[in-house]
Amino acid sequence: MRRAILPQAARTALPPLGNSFISLVKDTALAATIQVPELFRQAQLITARTFEIFTMYLAAALIYWILATALSHLQNKLEARVNRHDLET
């Protein structure tokens, strides 16, 4: 099973799982509705103290973008590693 079924299952399941994980990271701002402190909420709190709205929201957006880009790159590397033994037809 470890050498036959799991590699085939991983090849099929990896892209949707990676996309779901990236979406989960981007959707963490929704967690603020249930009082979970996260990046966007911290930006709101700092904005309330400093009144630098554009700067803080731009910084939060850049951090989210960097995280999503890094996770996407990591997902692509993982997919390439899993698919390296595919036979070309």
Protein backbone atom coordinates (compact mmCIF):
# COMPACT_ATOMS: atom_id res chain seq x y z
CA MET A 1 0.00 0.00 0.00
CA ARG A 2 2.79 2.44 0.90
CA ARG A 3 4.53 2.01 -2.45
CA ALA A 4 1.54 1.64 -4.75
CA ILE A 5 -1.63 3.28 -3.52
CA LEU A 6 -0.33 6.20 -1.44
CA PRO A 7 1.82 7.72 -4.23
CA GLN A 8 -1.14 7.56 -6.62
CA ALA A 9 -3.47 9.06 -4.04
CA ALA A 10 -0.97 11.78 -3.16
CA ARG A 11 -0.57 12.73 -6.81
CA THR A 12 -4.32 13.20 -7.12
CA ALA A 13 -5.01 14.80 -3.74
CA LEU A 14 -2.06 17.17 -3.41
CA PRO A 15 -3.19 20.06 -5.68
CA PRO A 16 -6.64 20.50 -4.10
CA LEU A 17 -5.20 20.13 -0.59
CA GLY A 18 -2.57 22.77 -1.30
CA ASN A 19 -5.16 25.16 -2.72
CA SER A 20 -7.38 24.62 0.30
CA PHE A 21 -4.48 25.35 2.64
CA ILE A 22 -3.62 28.59 0.82
CA SER A 23 -7.28 29.61 0.88
CA LEU A 24 -7.39 28.87 4.60
CA VAL A 25 -4.43 31.18 5.20
CA LYS A 26 -6.04 33.96 3.17
CA ASP A 27 -9.37 33.50 4.96
CA THR A 28 -7.93 33.90 8.44
CA ALA A 29 -9.37 37.40 8.52
CA LEU A 30 -12.74 35.70 9.00
CA ALA A 31 -11.50 34.40 12.34
CA ALA A 32 -11.63 37.93 13.68
CA THR A 33 -15.40 37.62 13.86
CA ILE A 34 -15.00 35.06 16.66
CA GLN A 35 -12.33 37.10 18.46
CA VAL A 36 -9.28 35.16 17.36
CA PRO A 37 -6.42 37.65 17.15
CA GLU A 38 -4.75 37.48 13.78
CA LEU A 39 -2.90 39.66 11.30
CA PHE A 40 -5.74 41.83 10.00
CA ARG A 41 -7.13 42.39 13.48
CA GLN A 42 -3.72 43.47 14.71
CA ALA A 43 -3.51 45.90 11.78
CA GLN A 44 -6.89 47.32 12.82
CA LEU A 45 -5.72 47.79 16.40
CA ILE A 46 -2.53 49.55 15.34
CA THR A 47 -4.53 51.71 12.92
CA ALA A 48 -6.80 52.78 15.76
CA ARG A 49 -3.78 53.93 17.77
CA THR A 50 -1.69 55.54 15.03
CA PHE A 51 -4.30 56.61 12.44
CA GLU A 52 -2.06 55.30 9.64
CA ILE A 53 -4.79 53.41 7.83
CA PHE A 54 -3.24 52.98 4.40
CA THR A 55 0.18 51.98 5.72
CA MET A 56 -1.14 49.30 8.07
CA TYR A 57 -3.59 47.78 5.60
CA LEU A 58 -0.92 47.80 2.89
CA ALA A 59 1.47 46.03 5.26
CA ALA A 60 -1.18 43.42 6.12
CA ALA A 61 -1.94 42.89 2.43
CA LEU A 62 1.76 42.47 1.64
CA ILE A 63 2.18 39.93 4.42
CA TYR A 64 -0.84 37.94 3.18
CA TRP A 65 0.52 38.12 -0.38
CA ILE A 66 3.98 36.93 0.69
CA LEU A 67 2.45 34.06 2.66
CA ALA A 68 0.22 33.00 -0.24
CA THR A 69 3.10 33.22 -2.72
CA ALA A 70 5.43 31.22 -0.48
CA LEU A 71 2.80 28.55 0.14
CA SER A 72 2.05 28.35 -3.57
CA HIS A 73 5.74 27.93 -4.35
CA LEU A 74 6.03 25.25 -1.67
CA GLN A 75 3.00 23.47 -3.10
CA ASN A 76 4.50 23.51 -6.60
CA LYS A 77 7.77 22.02 -5.30
CA LEU A 78 5.89 19.33 -3.40
CA GLU A 79 3.79 18.47 -6.46
CA ALA A 80 6.92 18.28 -8.62
CA ARG A 81 8.54 15.95 -6.11
CA VAL A 82 5.49 13.69 -5.95
CA ASN A 83 5.10 13.66 -9.74
CA ARG A 84 8.78 13.15 -10.60
CA HIS A 85 8.33 9.42 -11.13
CA ASP A 86 5.36 9.74 -13.49
CA LEU A 87 5.79 7.90 -16.72
CA GLU A 88 5.41 10.15 -19.71
CA THR A 89 3.01 8.83 -22.31
